[in-house]
């Protein structure tokens, strides 16, 4: 480790002690939330730093013993064996510290708005969009996250032409941010009499949900139209102008919402989606400005990028960005084995960023 790292170690430990003192003082609720959040965020690093210091001290003590010419041979052999173990352990701890010191995506801790749209494949694509929705819903349940449907358009024979829902909980975006892109399915549709395998697709967009203060939407920048709700989502509310369409004039982004009976609730949901799309648009601009770093990213987040194939005849799921195939299709779609893909993508992204840092 460099001296710069050592200085950073001491600063981190000092900050942890300061936060502990603050948390034992009389604080306003906002101060408590602020300090406790920062404290919990740096604790993994504090734990690794403490372990690093402890092991380093033990290694130093062993080095003194090994250099002592008066030490017994048997004692030296035991010390050499212990020294090797500690050096290996120290190497792992240092790797953990490097990962924890990587620049964090400030959106990692945010909730998300997840959009799934049927792509090529007609009815089968809509059914597949429904399968993806259930996969993410079950994955959310396993992580004790909360999901809420915001808007949907049913498919003609099942599934969804489009479904937008929110997922809230701890570090949601950090685990789902690599899900954006084109998901492809290969299977025999129920309506296929000849048993021929069809290929269909659905697009997924994972949008971090910004705080209101992060994305200010001024009244002069939006046009709000109200109209009578129609279709499956609006059958029970089509006697009043409850549906809302918001157009963001500077960007041209349009969001429509009609699932609620209340115009006020529809407007609130539409504004939530609009802010998320504007926030993601700003993040995309920043990504383009750092285009030279693309080779260090697992995926660009481009919705047109084919990222994964779900092959039913062979019971496998392949993520094309990291060339990983799992022969656990059912478990992935149940959300249980999706964690394996998520962790592999995060690990690969971390490895590439470490490569960039070196």
Protein backbone atom coordinates (compact mmCIF):
# COMPACT_ATOMS: atom_id res chain seq x y z
CA UNK A 1 0.00 0.00 0.00
CA UNK A 2 1.19 3.52 -0.75
CA UNK A 3 1.72 6.27 1.80
CA UNK A 4 -1.24 8.06 0.22
CA UNK A 5 -3.41 5.07 1.08
CA UNK A 6 -2.08 5.08 4.62
CA UNK A 7 -3.01 8.74 5.02
CA UNK A 8 -6.47 7.96 3.68
CA UNK A 9 -6.75 5.09 6.14
CA UNK A 10 -6.11 7.36 9.10
CA UNK A 11 -8.55 9.99 7.79
CA UNK A 12 -11.25 7.35 7.41
CA UNK A 13 -10.73 5.98 10.94
CA UNK A 14 -10.74 9.51 12.34
CA UNK A 15 -13.97 10.32 10.50
CA UNK A 16 -15.59 7.15 11.84
CA UNK A 17 -14.74 8.19 15.41
CA UNK A 18 -16.12 11.68 14.80
CA UNK A 19 -19.38 10.26 13.48
CA UNK A 20 -19.70 7.94 16.48
CA UNK A 21 -19.41 10.96 18.78
CA UNK A 22 -21.97 12.90 16.75
CA UNK A 23 -24.44 10.02 16.90
CA UNK A 24 -24.25 10.07 20.71
CA UNK A 25 -25.09 13.78 20.82
CA UNK A 26 -28.49 15.45 20.72
CA UNK A 27 -29.35 15.79 17.06
CA UNK A 28 -32.24 16.83 14.88
CA UNK A 29 -33.83 14.00 12.90
CA UNK A 30 -32.21 15.30 9.68
CA UNK A 31 -28.77 15.41 11.33
CA UNK A 32 -29.20 11.91 12.70
CA UNK A 33 -30.18 10.53 9.28
CA UNK A 34 -27.26 12.32 7.62
CA UNK A 35 -24.62 11.15 10.14
CA UNK A 36 -25.94 7.59 10.45
CA UNK A 37 -26.02 7.20 6.67
CA UNK A 38 -22.42 8.35 6.32
CA UNK A 39 -21.37 6.16 9.26
CA UNK A 40 -22.96 3.03 7.77
CA UNK A 41 -21.45 3.79 4.36
CA UNK A 42 -17.85 3.92 5.64
CA UNK A 43 -18.07 1.01 8.09
CA UNK A 44 -17.13 -1.70 5.54
CA UNK A 45 -13.96 0.29 4.78
CA UNK A 46 -13.27 0.88 8.49
CA UNK A 47 -13.56 -2.88 9.14
CA UNK A 48 -11.09 -3.71 6.37
CA UNK A 49 -8.67 -0.97 7.46
CA UNK A 50 -8.71 -2.25 11.04
CA UNK A 51 -8.02 -5.75 9.77
CA UNK A 52 -5.21 -4.43 7.55
CA UNK A 53 -3.53 -2.67 10.50
CA UNK A 54 -3.88 -5.76 12.71
CA UNK A 55 -2.36 -8.10 10.11
CA UNK A 56 0.41 -5.63 9.26
CA UNK A 57 1.38 -5.50 12.95
CA UNK A 58 1.45 -9.30 13.19
CA UNK A 59 3.61 -9.52 10.04
CA UNK A 60 6.04 -6.95 11.47
CA UNK A 61 6.34 -8.97 14.69
CA UNK A 62 7.00 -12.14 12.71
CA UNK A 63 9.66 -10.40 10.63
CA UNK A 64 11.52 -9.50 13.82
CA UNK A 65 11.32 -13.11 14.96
CA UNK A 66 12.55 -14.43 11.59
CA UNK A 67 15.48 -12.01 11.55
CA UNK A 68 16.54 -13.00 15.07
CA UNK A 69 19.50 -15.35 14.71
CA UNK A 70 18.89 -16.71 18.20
CA UNK A 71 15.41 -17.99 17.38
CA UNK A 72 14.98 -21.75 17.50
CA UNK A 73 14.68 -23.58 14.18
CA UNK A 74 11.28 -25.09 15.01
CA UNK A 75 9.97 -21.67 16.06
CA UNK A 76 11.24 -20.13 12.81
CA UNK A 77 9.55 -22.81 10.70
CA UNK A 78 6.21 -22.13 12.43
CA UNK A 79 6.76 -18.38 11.99
CA UNK A 80 7.51 -18.80 8.26
CA UNK A 81 4.32 -20.82 7.81
CA UNK A 82 2.26 -18.21 9.67
CA UNK A 83 4.01 -15.41 7.77
CA UNK A 84 2.93 -16.89 4.42
CA UNK A 85 -0.69 -17.22 5.59
CA UNK A 86 -0.76 -13.64 6.83
CA UNK A 87 0.75 -12.30 3.60
CA UNK A 88 -1.95 -14.07 1.56
CA UNK A 89 -4.63 -12.73 3.88
CA UNK A 90 -3.16 -9.24 3.69
CA UNK A 91 -3.28 -9.40 -0.10
CA UNK A 92 -7.02 -10.23 0.01
CA UNK A 93 -7.71 -7.43 2.47
CA UNK A 94 -5.82 -4.96 0.29
CA UNK A 95 -7.91 -6.05 -2.71
CA UNK A 96 -11.08 -5.46 -0.69
CA UNK A 97 -9.84 -2.00 0.28
CA UNK A 98 -9.07 -1.14 -3.34
CA UNK A 99 -12.62 -2.07 -4.28
CA UNK A 100 -14.07 -0.02 -1.44
CA UNK A 101 -11.94 2.98 -2.46
CA UNK A 102 -13.18 2.92 -6.06
CA UNK A 103 -15.26 6.01 -6.94
CA UNK A 104 -18.89 5.26 -6.16
CA UNK A 105 -21.76 5.83 -8.55
CA UNK A 106 -23.80 8.35 -6.56
CA UNK A 107 -26.96 6.73 -7.91
CA UNK A 108 -26.14 3.28 -6.42
CA UNK A 109 -28.18 3.83 -3.27
CA UNK A 110 -31.24 5.11 -5.11
CA UNK A 111 -34.60 3.47 -5.71
CA UNK A 112 -35.45 2.77 -9.34
CA UNK A 113 -38.21 3.06 -11.90
CA UNK A 114 -38.03 -0.01 -14.12
CA UNK A 115 -39.62 0.03 -17.57
CA UNK A 116 -40.23 -3.14 -19.61
CA UNK A 117 -41.53 -2.96 -23.18
CA UNK A 118 -42.35 -5.78 -25.59
CA UNK A 119 -40.12 -5.66 -28.65
CA UNK A 120 -39.95 -7.86 -31.71
CA UNK A 121 -42.12 -10.96 -31.55
CA UNK A 122 -45.70 -9.72 -31.22
CA UNK A 123 -47.79 -11.58 -28.64
CA UNK A 124 -44.86 -13.76 -27.58
CA UNK A 125 -42.78 -10.63 -26.83
CA UNK A 126 -45.59 -9.31 -24.60
CA UNK A 127 -45.74 -12.63 -22.73
CA UNK A 128 -41.97 -12.52 -22.27
CA UNK A 129 -42.23 -8.94 -20.93
CA UNK A 130 -44.61 -10.37 -18.31
CA UNK A 131 -42.07 -13.09 -17.46
CA UNK A 132 -39.37 -10.44 -16.95
CA UNK A 133 -41.68 -8.39 -14.72
CA UNK A 134 -42.34 -11.41 -12.50
CA UNK A 135 -38.59 -12.19 -12.38
CA UNK A 136 -37.76 -8.70 -11.11
CA UNK A 137 -40.72 -8.73 -8.75
CA UNK A 138 -39.54 -11.99 -7.17
CA UNK A 139 -35.94 -10.75 -7.03
CA UNK A 140 -37.24 -7.66 -5.23
CA UNK A 141 -39.14 -9.84 -2.74
CA UNK A 142 -35.96 -11.85 -2.02
CA UNK A 143 -34.13 -8.57 -1.31
CA UNK A 144 -37.04 -7.29 0.85
CA UNK A 145 -37.62 -4.43 -1.60
CA UNK A 146 -41.04 -2.92 -2.27
CA UNK A 147 -42.53 -2.85 -5.78
CA UNK A 148 -45.40 -0.71 -7.05
CA UNK A 149 -46.88 -0.76 -10.54
CA UNK A 150 -47.12 2.74 -11.99
CA UNK A 151 -48.58 2.10 -15.43
CA UNK A 152 -49.20 -0.87 -17.68
CA UNK A 153 -50.63 -1.87 -21.03
CA UNK A 154 -51.82 -5.48 -21.22
CA UNK A 155 -50.83 -7.77 -24.08
CA UNK A 156 -53.59 -9.20 -26.27
CA UNK A 157 -53.04 -12.81 -25.12
CA UNK A 158 -51.17 -12.22 -21.85
CA UNK A 159 -48.16 -10.38 -20.51
CA UNK A 160 -47.63 -6.69 -21.17
CA UNK A 161 -46.99 -4.46 -24.15
CA UNK A 162 -45.48 -2.10 -21.56
CA UNK A 163 -45.19 -2.05 -17.78
CA UNK A 164 -43.54 0.59 -15.61
CA UNK A 165 -43.05 0.00 -11.89
CA UNK A 166 -41.01 1.37 -9.02
CA UNK A 167 -38.70 -0.64 -6.75
CA UNK A 168 -37.67 0.86 -3.43
CA UNK A 169 -35.30 -0.46 -0.80
CA UNK A 170 -31.63 -0.58 0.08
CA UNK A 171 -29.13 -0.04 -2.76
CA UNK A 172 -31.62 -1.05 -5.45
CA UNK A 173 -29.91 0.69 -8.38
CA UNK A 174 -26.50 -0.77 -7.52
CA UNK A 175 -27.88 -4.29 -8.08
CA UNK A 176 -30.15 -3.62 -11.06
CA UNK A 177 -28.25 -1.01 -13.08
CA UNK A 178 -26.78 -3.60 -15.47
CA UNK A 179 -30.24 -4.92 -16.43
CA UNK A 180 -30.87 -2.15 -18.98
CA UNK A 181 -30.87 -3.37 -22.56
CA UNK A 182 -32.50 -5.91 -24.86
CA UNK A 183 -33.45 -9.25 -23.32
CA UNK A 184 -34.01 -12.02 -25.88
CA UNK A 185 -36.05 -15.21 -25.43
CA UNK A 186 -35.88 -18.38 -27.53
CA UNK A 187 -38.73 -20.83 -27.04
CA UNK A 188 -41.70 -22.56 -28.67
CA UNK A 189 -44.78 -20.35 -28.22
CA UNK A 190 -47.94 -22.03 -26.89
CA UNK A 191 -49.68 -21.07 -30.14
CA UNK A 192 -46.99 -22.74 -32.33
CA UNK A 193 -48.38 -26.05 -33.64
CA UNK A 194 -45.25 -27.16 -35.51
CA UNK A 195 -42.98 -26.91 -32.44
CA UNK A 196 -40.70 -24.35 -34.06
CA UNK A 197 -38.56 -22.23 -31.75
CA UNK A 198 -39.28 -18.50 -32.03
CA UNK A 199 -37.02 -15.62 -30.99
CA UNK A 200 -38.65 -12.61 -29.33
CA UNK A 201 -37.35 -9.67 -27.34
CA UNK A 202 -38.22 -7.09 -24.71
CA UNK A 203 -36.36 -3.96 -23.72
CA UNK A 204 -35.61 -3.10 -20.09
CA UNK A 205 -34.71 0.37 -18.82
CA UNK A 206 -33.58 0.82 -15.20
CA UNK A 207 -33.84 4.47 -14.18
CA UNK A 208 -32.46 5.67 -10.83
CA UNK A 209 -35.10 7.72 -9.06
CA UNK A 210 -33.77 11.20 -8.23
CA UNK A 211 -34.68 13.37 -5.27
CA UNK A 212 -36.92 16.30 -6.19
CA UNK A 213 -34.06 18.71 -5.43
CA UNK A 214 -31.78 16.93 -7.93
CA UNK A 215 -34.09 17.39 -10.89
CA UNK A 216 -36.00 20.66 -10.77
CA UNK A 217 -38.85 20.76 -13.27
CA UNK A 218 -40.14 24.29 -13.73
CA UNK A 219 -43.78 24.95 -14.63
CA UNK A 220 -42.74 26.95 -17.71
CA UNK A 221 -40.91 23.89 -19.07
CA UNK A 222 -43.90 21.54 -19.08
CA UNK A 223 -47.27 21.32 -20.80
CA UNK A 224 -49.97 19.32 -19.02
CA UNK A 225 -52.90 17.91 -20.99
CA UNK A 226 -55.82 16.10 -19.38
CA UNK A 227 -58.06 13.69 -21.22
CA UNK A 228 -60.54 10.89 -20.66
CA UNK A 229 -58.93 7.60 -19.73
CA UNK A 230 -59.53 4.67 -22.05
CA UNK A 231 -58.55 1.02 -22.49
CA UNK A 232 -58.10 -1.68 -19.81
CA UNK A 233 -56.49 0.67 -17.35
CA UNK A 234 -59.17 3.30 -17.72
CA UNK A 235 -62.44 1.38 -18.09
CA UNK A 236 -63.64 2.28 -14.60
CA UNK A 237 -62.56 5.92 -14.76
CA UNK A 238 -63.49 7.02 -18.28
CA UNK A 239 -66.38 9.25 -17.22
CA UNK A 240 -64.04 12.10 -16.22
CA UNK A 241 -60.90 13.72 -17.60
CA UNK A 242 -58.62 11.94 -15.11
CA UNK A 243 -55.80 10.91 -17.46
CA UNK A 244 -52.73 13.15 -17.64
CA UNK A 245 -50.12 13.72 -20.32
CA UNK A 246 -47.02 15.77 -19.40
CA UNK A 247 -44.72 17.08 -22.11
CA UNK A 248 -41.31 18.38 -21.09
CA UNK A 249 -40.77 21.08 -23.69
CA UNK A 250 -36.94 21.44 -23.58
CA UNK A 251 -36.29 17.70 -24.03
CA UNK A 252 -39.45 16.58 -25.82
CA UNK A 253 -40.01 13.77 -23.29
CA UNK A 254 -43.69 12.83 -23.01
CA UNK A 255 -45.20 10.85 -20.11
CA UNK A 256 -48.83 9.73 -19.98
CA UNK A 257 -50.57 8.30 -16.92
CA UNK A 258 -54.15 7.08 -16.61
CA UNK A 259 -54.15 4.14 -14.20
CA UNK A 260 -55.50 6.08 -11.22
CA UNK A 261 -59.04 7.42 -10.86
CA UNK A 262 -57.66 10.69 -9.52
CA UNK A 263 -56.17 13.25 -11.90
CA UNK A 264 -53.96 14.44 -9.03
CA UNK A 265 -52.52 10.92 -8.49
CA UNK A 266 -51.97 10.43 -12.21
CA UNK A 267 -50.10 13.74 -12.38
CA UNK A 268 -47.91 12.79 -9.38
CA UNK A 269 -46.99 9.43 -10.97
CA UNK A 270 -46.29 11.05 -14.34
CA UNK A 271 -44.01 13.65 -12.72
CA UNK A 272 -42.13 10.86 -10.90
CA UNK A 273 -41.47 9.04 -14.20
CA UNK A 274 -40.56 12.30 -15.95
CA UNK A 275 -37.98 13.19 -13.31
CA UNK A 276 -36.43 9.71 -13.55
CA UNK A 277 -36.16 9.98 -17.34
CA UNK A 278 -34.65 13.46 -17.15
CA UNK A 279 -32.16 12.26 -14.52
CA UNK A 280 -31.17 9.30 -16.70
CA UNK A 281 -30.85 11.62 -19.71
CA UNK A 282 -28.39 13.76 -17.73
CA UNK A 283 -26.45 10.65 -16.65
CA UNK A 284 -26.28 9.55 -20.30
CA UNK A 285 -24.77 12.90 -21.28
CA UNK A 286 -22.12 12.44 -18.62
CA UNK A 287 -21.41 8.89 -19.85
CA UNK A 288 -20.95 10.19 -23.39
CA UNK A 289 -18.50 12.80 -22.11
CA UNK A 290 -16.50 9.95 -20.59
CA UNK A 291 -16.77 7.83 -23.75
CA UNK A 292 -13.10 6.90 -23.54
CA UNK A 293 -13.91 4.92 -20.40
CA UNK A 294 -16.54 2.75 -22.14
CA UNK A 295 -14.10 -0.13 -22.53
CA UNK A 296 -13.98 -0.38 -18.74
CA UNK A 297 -17.76 -0.70 -18.43
CA UNK A 298 -19.72 -3.94 -18.46
CA UNK A 299 -22.50 -2.25 -20.42
CA UNK A 300 -23.22 1.23 -21.58
CA UNK A 301 -26.85 1.13 -20.42
CA UNK A 302 -27.92 1.50 -24.05
CA UNK A 303 -31.44 0.10 -24.41
CA UNK A 304 -30.63 -1.15 -27.92
CA UNK A 305 -27.76 -3.34 -26.68
CA UNK A 306 -28.58 -7.07 -26.64
CA UNK A 307 -27.43 -8.13 -23.21
CA UNK A 308 -28.97 -11.51 -22.40
CA UNK A 309 -30.63 -14.56 -23.98
CA UNK A 310 -33.08 -16.87 -22.21
CA UNK A 311 -33.08 -20.18 -24.10
CA UNK A 312 -35.94 -22.48 -23.03
CA UNK A 313 -35.12 -25.61 -25.11
CA UNK A 314 -31.64 -25.77 -23.54
CA UNK A 315 -32.70 -24.42 -20.13
CA UNK A 316 -29.96 -21.79 -20.11
CA UNK A 317 -29.46 -18.07 -19.66
CA UNK A 318 -26.48 -16.35 -21.30
CA UNK A 319 -25.24 -12.87 -20.49
CA UNK A 320 -23.39 -11.76 -23.62
CA UNK A 321 -21.41 -8.94 -21.96
CA UNK A 322 -19.43 -11.24 -19.71
CA UNK A 323 -19.90 -14.52 -21.67
CA UNK A 324 -21.52 -16.18 -18.66
CA UNK A 325 -24.01 -19.02 -19.15
CA UNK A 326 -26.09 -20.51 -16.36
CA UNK A 327 -28.05 -23.72 -16.98
CA UNK A 328 -30.61 -22.64 -14.41
CA UNK A 329 -33.28 -20.91 -16.50
CA UNK A 330 -36.20 -21.62 -14.16
CA UNK A 331 -34.29 -20.48 -11.06
CA UNK A 332 -33.20 -17.28 -12.82
CA UNK A 333 -36.78 -16.48 -13.82
CA UNK A 334 -37.86 -17.20 -10.24
CA UNK A 335 -35.40 -14.50 -9.13
CA UNK A 336 -33.30 -16.89 -7.04
CA UNK A 337 -30.39 -17.37 -9.47
CA UNK A 338 -30.64 -13.86 -10.88
CA UNK A 339 -28.37 -12.91 -7.99
CA UNK A 340 -25.61 -14.98 -9.60
CA UNK A 341 -25.79 -12.90 -12.78
CA UNK A 342 -26.03 -9.65 -10.83
CA UNK A 343 -22.98 -10.43 -8.67
CA UNK A 344 -20.95 -11.56 -11.70
CA UNK A 345 -21.74 -8.30 -13.52
CA UNK A 346 -20.82 -6.19 -10.49
CA UNK A 347 -17.59 -8.16 -10.00
CA UNK A 348 -16.63 -7.74 -13.66
CA UNK A 349 -17.35 -4.01 -13.53
CA UNK A 350 -15.23 -3.66 -10.39
CA UNK A 351 -12.37 -5.61 -11.98
CA UNK A 352 -12.38 -3.38 -15.04
CA UNK A 353 -12.35 -0.25 -12.93
CA UNK A 354 -9.43 -1.64 -10.90
CA UNK A 355 -7.60 -2.26 -14.16
CA UNK A 356 -8.21 1.35 -15.11
CA UNK A 357 -6.88 2.58 -11.76
CA UNK A 358 -3.62 0.65 -12.09
